Amino acid sequence: MYTITEPTSQMSGLAVFPYNGNLGIFVTVYHSQDWFLYEFNGSSLTYIGSGNPGVSDVTDSHGISYHPDTDTFFWSYNVSETNKWIAEVQFTETSLEQSSWGSIKAQF
C-alpha cells in the first residue's frame, strides 16, 4: 500500500502503463479532469506531476484505462448530465535541454 496525497477529491480511475523502464500510474478524480502521474520502480512510488486534457466544461471524470497495442489511454467523462464521452488520448512527454532555455527566452 502506498499513500498518495495529491489527488484533490475522490479517486475515480487508475491506469498503469510502461514509463521510463518502470511502471507509470495515472490517477483520475471524479469532479475534475486532472490526471495525477506517478512512477513505480518496484519498491517506491514517486509523484511526477499532474495535468489535464483541457476539455471544456467537464463535470465528472469516471475512469481511465491504457491500451498497450495503440499506446493510448481511454478516458470516460461527462460534459453534462446528458453528454457522456469516451476519449482516446495519446501523449508524448518531452523536456527542453537547459542549454536551449536562453535562446527560447530571447525570442520573446
N, C-alpha and C. Protein backbone atom coordinates (compact mmCIF):
# COMPACT_ATOMS: atom_id res chain seq x y z
N MET A 1 0.84 -1.17 0.00
CA MET A 1 0.00 0.00 0.00
C MET A 1 0.89 1.23 0.00
N TYR A 2 0.47 2.23 -0.78
CA TYR A 2 1.23 3.47 -0.90
C TYR A 2 0.28 4.65 -0.69
N THR A 3 0.67 5.57 0.14
CA THR A 3 -0.13 6.75 0.40
C THR A 3 0.14 7.80 -0.67
N ILE A 4 -0.94 8.36 -1.23
CA ILE A 4 -0.80 9.49 -2.15
C ILE A 4 -1.65 10.64 -1.61
N THR A 5 -1.14 11.84 -1.70
CA THR A 5 -1.85 13.00 -1.15
C THR A 5 -2.23 14.03 -2.20
N GLU A 6 -1.81 13.84 -3.43
CA GLU A 6 -2.01 14.86 -4.47
C GLU A 6 -3.42 14.93 -5.04
N PRO A 7 -4.14 13.85 -5.23
CA PRO A 7 -5.49 13.97 -5.80
C PRO A 7 -6.37 14.88 -4.94
N THR A 8 -7.13 15.74 -5.62
CA THR A 8 -7.90 16.79 -4.95
C THR A 8 -9.26 16.35 -4.46
N SER A 9 -9.73 15.21 -4.90
CA SER A 9 -11.03 14.70 -4.44
C SER A 9 -11.04 13.19 -4.60
N GLN A 10 -12.21 12.59 -4.49
CA GLN A 10 -12.33 11.13 -4.55
C GLN A 10 -11.79 10.59 -5.87
N MET A 11 -10.95 9.59 -5.77
CA MET A 11 -10.37 8.99 -6.98
C MET A 11 -11.45 8.26 -7.77
N SER A 12 -11.34 8.35 -9.11
CA SER A 12 -12.34 7.71 -9.96
C SER A 12 -11.74 6.67 -10.90
N GLY A 13 -10.45 6.73 -11.14
CA GLY A 13 -9.86 5.78 -12.07
C GLY A 13 -8.36 5.67 -11.90
N LEU A 14 -7.82 4.58 -12.45
CA LEU A 14 -6.40 4.32 -12.37
C LEU A 14 -5.99 3.53 -13.61
N ALA A 15 -4.89 3.93 -14.21
CA ALA A 15 -4.34 3.20 -15.36
C ALA A 15 -2.85 3.00 -15.13
N VAL A 16 -2.36 1.82 -15.45
CA VAL A 16 -0.93 1.53 -15.37
C VAL A 16 -0.39 1.32 -16.78
N PHE A 17 0.87 1.73 -16.98
CA PHE A 17 1.45 1.70 -18.33
C PHE A 17 2.97 1.75 -18.20
N PRO A 18 3.70 1.34 -19.26
CA PRO A 18 5.16 1.41 -19.22
C PRO A 18 5.62 2.87 -19.18
N TYR A 19 6.59 3.16 -18.31
CA TYR A 19 7.04 4.54 -18.15
C TYR A 19 8.50 4.57 -17.71
N ASN A 20 9.37 5.05 -18.57
CA ASN A 20 10.80 5.18 -18.27
C ASN A 20 11.43 3.89 -17.74
N GLY A 21 11.02 2.76 -18.28
CA GLY A 21 11.54 1.49 -17.81
C GLY A 21 10.91 0.99 -16.52
N ASN A 22 9.97 1.75 -16.00
CA ASN A 22 9.25 1.39 -14.77
C ASN A 22 7.76 1.30 -15.09
N LEU A 23 6.95 1.46 -14.09
CA LEU A 23 5.51 1.44 -14.24
C LEU A 23 4.97 2.84 -13.98
N GLY A 24 4.26 3.39 -14.97
CA GLY A 24 3.58 4.67 -14.78
C GLY A 24 2.17 4.41 -14.28
N ILE A 25 1.67 5.30 -13.47
CA ILE A 25 0.31 5.18 -12.95
C ILE A 25 -0.37 6.54 -13.07
N PHE A 26 -1.48 6.58 -13.81
CA PHE A 26 -2.33 7.76 -13.85
C PHE A 26 -3.50 7.54 -12.91
N VAL A 27 -3.82 8.53 -12.11
CA VAL A 27 -4.98 8.50 -11.23
C VAL A 27 -5.88 9.67 -11.64
N THR A 28 -7.18 9.39 -11.80
CA THR A 28 -8.14 10.45 -12.09
C THR A 28 -9.07 10.62 -10.89
N VAL A 29 -9.72 11.79 -10.81
CA VAL A 29 -10.66 12.09 -9.72
C VAL A 29 -12.01 12.48 -10.31
N TYR A 30 -13.07 12.32 -9.51
CA TYR A 30 -14.44 12.49 -10.01
C TYR A 30 -14.77 13.89 -10.52
N HIS A 31 -14.58 14.91 -9.74
CA HIS A 31 -15.10 16.23 -10.09
C HIS A 31 -14.04 17.16 -10.66
N SER A 32 -13.12 16.60 -11.39
CA SER A 32 -12.05 17.37 -12.04
C SER A 32 -11.53 16.54 -13.20
N GLN A 33 -10.97 17.21 -14.18
CA GLN A 33 -10.36 16.45 -15.26
C GLN A 33 -8.86 16.30 -15.07
N ASP A 34 -8.37 16.61 -13.87
CA ASP A 34 -6.94 16.45 -13.60
C ASP A 34 -6.53 14.98 -13.56
N TRP A 35 -5.37 14.71 -14.15
CA TRP A 35 -4.74 13.38 -14.10
C TRP A 35 -3.47 13.53 -13.28
N PHE A 36 -3.25 12.62 -12.35
CA PHE A 36 -2.08 12.65 -11.49
C PHE A 36 -1.15 11.51 -11.91
N LEU A 37 0.10 11.84 -12.19
CA LEU A 37 1.06 10.86 -12.70
C LEU A 37 2.05 10.46 -11.62
N TYR A 38 2.22 9.14 -11.47
CA TYR A 38 3.17 8.56 -10.53
C TYR A 38 4.06 7.58 -11.28
N GLU A 39 5.26 7.35 -10.74
CA GLU A 39 6.16 6.34 -11.29
C GLU A 39 6.46 5.35 -10.18
N PHE A 40 6.29 4.06 -10.51
CA PHE A 40 6.58 2.99 -9.56
C PHE A 40 7.77 2.20 -10.07
N ASN A 41 8.82 2.11 -9.24
CA ASN A 41 10.04 1.43 -9.67
C ASN A 41 10.16 0.01 -9.12
N GLY A 42 9.10 -0.51 -8.54
CA GLY A 42 9.13 -1.84 -7.96
C GLY A 42 9.19 -1.83 -6.45
N SER A 43 9.61 -0.69 -5.89
CA SER A 43 9.68 -0.60 -4.43
C SER A 43 9.15 0.72 -3.88
N SER A 44 9.15 1.77 -4.69
CA SER A 44 8.65 3.05 -4.20
C SER A 44 7.83 3.76 -5.28
N LEU A 45 6.93 4.61 -4.82
CA LEU A 45 6.02 5.35 -5.69
C LEU A 45 6.42 6.82 -5.62
N THR A 46 6.67 7.44 -6.78
CA THR A 46 7.09 8.83 -6.84
C THR A 46 6.08 9.64 -7.62
N TYR A 47 5.65 10.75 -7.05
CA TYR A 47 4.74 11.67 -7.74
C TYR A 47 5.53 12.44 -8.78
N ILE A 48 5.06 12.43 -10.03
CA ILE A 48 5.74 13.11 -11.13
C ILE A 48 5.11 14.48 -11.40
N GLY A 49 3.78 14.55 -11.41
CA GLY A 49 3.09 15.80 -11.68
C GLY A 49 1.66 15.54 -12.08
N SER A 50 0.95 16.62 -12.42
CA SER A 50 -0.44 16.48 -12.84
C SER A 50 -0.71 17.38 -14.03
N GLY A 51 -1.79 17.11 -14.70
CA GLY A 51 -2.22 17.90 -15.84
C GLY A 51 -3.60 17.44 -16.23
N ASN A 52 -4.13 18.04 -17.28
CA ASN A 52 -5.44 17.59 -17.77
C ASN A 52 -5.52 17.77 -19.27
N PRO A 53 -6.46 17.07 -19.90
CA PRO A 53 -6.58 17.12 -21.36
C PRO A 53 -7.14 18.43 -21.89
N GLY A 54 -7.66 19.29 -21.02
CA GLY A 54 -8.13 20.60 -21.47
C GLY A 54 -9.49 20.61 -22.15
N VAL A 55 -10.35 19.68 -21.81
CA VAL A 55 -11.69 19.62 -22.39
C VAL A 55 -12.57 20.65 -21.68
N SER A 56 -13.32 21.45 -22.42
CA SER A 56 -14.19 22.47 -21.83
C SER A 56 -15.38 21.85 -21.12
N ASP A 57 -15.74 22.42 -19.99
CA ASP A 57 -16.98 22.11 -19.27
C ASP A 57 -17.11 20.67 -18.77
N VAL A 58 -16.01 20.03 -18.41
CA VAL A 58 -16.10 18.68 -17.84
C VAL A 58 -16.75 18.77 -16.46
N THR A 59 -17.80 17.97 -16.24
CA THR A 59 -18.47 17.96 -14.94
C THR A 59 -18.03 16.78 -14.09
N ASP A 60 -17.72 15.65 -14.70
CA ASP A 60 -17.30 14.47 -13.96
C ASP A 60 -16.31 13.66 -14.79
N SER A 61 -15.35 13.07 -14.10
CA SER A 61 -14.40 12.15 -14.71
C SER A 61 -14.64 10.78 -14.09
N HIS A 62 -14.84 9.78 -14.94
CA HIS A 62 -15.25 8.48 -14.41
C HIS A 62 -14.16 7.43 -14.38
N GLY A 63 -13.19 7.51 -15.24
CA GLY A 63 -12.15 6.50 -15.20
C GLY A 63 -11.22 6.59 -16.39
N ILE A 64 -10.17 5.80 -16.32
CA ILE A 64 -9.14 5.82 -17.36
C ILE A 64 -8.56 4.41 -17.49
N SER A 65 -8.21 4.04 -18.71
CA SER A 65 -7.54 2.75 -18.93
C SER A 65 -6.49 2.94 -20.02
N TYR A 66 -5.56 2.02 -20.10
CA TYR A 66 -4.46 2.08 -21.05
C TYR A 66 -4.54 0.90 -22.01
N HIS A 67 -4.29 1.16 -23.30
CA HIS A 67 -4.27 0.11 -24.31
C HIS A 67 -2.84 -0.02 -24.85
N PRO A 68 -2.15 -1.10 -24.54
CA PRO A 68 -0.74 -1.22 -24.92
C PRO A 68 -0.50 -1.34 -26.42
N ASP A 69 -1.45 -1.88 -27.18
CA ASP A 69 -1.24 -2.03 -28.62
C ASP A 69 -1.22 -0.69 -29.34
N THR A 70 -2.00 0.26 -28.87
CA THR A 70 -2.05 1.58 -29.50
C THR A 70 -1.29 2.64 -28.71
N ASP A 71 -0.82 2.29 -27.51
CA ASP A 71 -0.12 3.20 -26.61
C ASP A 71 -0.98 4.46 -26.35
N THR A 72 -2.27 4.21 -26.12
CA THR A 72 -3.21 5.30 -25.86
C THR A 72 -4.01 5.02 -24.59
N PHE A 73 -4.62 6.08 -24.08
CA PHE A 73 -5.47 6.00 -22.90
C PHE A 73 -6.91 6.24 -23.33
N PHE A 74 -7.83 5.57 -22.69
CA PHE A 74 -9.25 5.80 -22.90
C PHE A 74 -9.81 6.38 -21.60
N TRP A 75 -10.41 7.57 -21.71
CA TRP A 75 -10.87 8.31 -20.56
C TRP A 75 -12.37 8.56 -20.70
N SER A 76 -13.13 8.23 -19.68
CA SER A 76 -14.58 8.46 -19.71
C SER A 76 -14.92 9.65 -18.82
N TYR A 77 -15.80 10.52 -19.35
CA TYR A 77 -16.14 11.74 -18.62
C TYR A 77 -17.49 12.28 -19.08
N ASN A 78 -18.04 13.19 -18.31
CA ASN A 78 -19.30 13.87 -18.65
C ASN A 78 -19.01 15.34 -18.91
N VAL A 79 -19.70 15.89 -19.90
CA VAL A 79 -19.69 17.33 -20.11
C VAL A 79 -20.96 17.92 -19.49
N SER A 80 -21.99 17.14 -19.40
CA SER A 80 -23.23 17.49 -18.71
C SER A 80 -23.90 16.17 -18.33
N GLU A 81 -25.06 16.25 -17.73
CA GLU A 81 -25.77 15.02 -17.38
C GLU A 81 -26.09 14.17 -18.60
N THR A 82 -26.30 14.79 -19.75
CA THR A 82 -26.71 14.05 -20.94
C THR A 82 -25.58 13.78 -21.93
N ASN A 83 -24.45 14.49 -21.80
CA ASN A 83 -23.34 14.31 -22.74
C ASN A 83 -22.21 13.53 -22.08
N LYS A 84 -22.20 12.25 -22.33
CA LYS A 84 -21.19 11.35 -21.77
C LYS A 84 -20.23 10.96 -22.90
N TRP A 85 -18.94 11.00 -22.62
CA TRP A 85 -17.93 10.80 -23.66
C TRP A 85 -16.89 9.77 -23.25
N ILE A 86 -16.30 9.14 -24.25
CA ILE A 86 -15.08 8.36 -24.08
C ILE A 86 -14.09 8.93 -25.08
N ALA A 87 -12.95 9.37 -24.59
CA ALA A 87 -11.93 9.96 -25.45
C ALA A 87 -10.71 9.06 -25.48
N GLU A 88 -10.12 8.93 -26.67
CA GLU A 88 -8.85 8.25 -26.80
C GLU A 88 -7.76 9.32 -26.77
N VAL A 89 -6.82 9.18 -25.85
CA VAL A 89 -5.81 10.21 -25.63
C VAL A 89 -4.42 9.61 -25.76
N GLN A 90 -3.58 10.28 -26.51
CA GLN A 90 -2.18 9.87 -26.63
C GLN A 90 -1.32 11.07 -26.28
N PHE A 91 -0.24 10.85 -25.58
CA PHE A 91 0.64 11.95 -25.25
C PHE A 91 2.09 11.52 -25.37
N THR A 92 2.93 12.52 -25.55
CA THR A 92 4.36 12.31 -25.58
C THR A 92 4.98 13.26 -24.57
N GLU A 93 5.75 12.74 -23.67
CA GLU A 93 6.42 13.57 -22.69
C GLU A 93 7.73 14.05 -23.29
N THR A 94 7.95 15.35 -23.24
CA THR A 94 9.19 15.93 -23.74
C THR A 94 9.74 16.91 -22.72
N SER A 95 11.00 17.18 -22.81
CA SER A 95 11.61 18.20 -21.97
C SER A 95 12.62 18.97 -22.81
N LEU A 96 12.83 20.21 -22.43
CA LEU A 96 13.80 21.05 -23.12
C LEU A 96 15.14 20.95 -22.41
N GLU A 97 16.19 20.89 -23.19
CA GLU A 97 17.53 20.90 -22.61
C GLU A 97 17.77 22.28 -22.02
N GLN A 98 18.40 22.33 -20.86
CA GLN A 98 18.63 23.61 -20.20
C GLN A 98 19.42 24.57 -21.08
N SER A 99 20.30 24.05 -21.93
CA SER A 99 21.11 24.90 -22.79
C SER A 99 20.26 25.68 -23.79
N SER A 100 19.01 25.22 -24.06
CA SER A 100 18.15 25.92 -25.02
C SER A 100 17.26 26.97 -24.37
N TRP A 101 17.20 27.02 -23.05
CA TRP A 101 16.29 27.94 -22.36
C TRP A 101 16.56 29.40 -22.71
N GLY A 102 17.84 29.80 -22.76
CA GLY A 102 18.19 31.19 -23.04
C GLY A 102 17.77 31.62 -24.42
N SER A 103 17.97 30.75 -25.42
CA SER A 103 17.60 31.14 -26.79
C SER A 103 16.10 31.22 -26.96
N ILE A 104 15.36 30.38 -26.26
CA ILE A 104 13.89 30.45 -26.32
C ILE A 104 13.41 31.72 -25.64
N LYS A 105 13.96 32.02 -24.48
CA LYS A 105 13.57 33.22 -23.73
C LYS A 105 13.88 34.49 -24.54
N ALA A 106 14.97 34.48 -25.28
CA ALA A 106 15.39 35.65 -26.06
C ALA A 106 14.41 35.94 -27.21
N GLN A 107 13.62 34.97 -27.61
CA GLN A 107 12.68 35.16 -28.72
C GLN A 107 11.44 35.94 -28.29
N PHE A 108 11.24 36.15 -27.00
CA PHE A 108 10.05 36.86 -26.52
C PHE A 108 10.31 38.31 -26.30
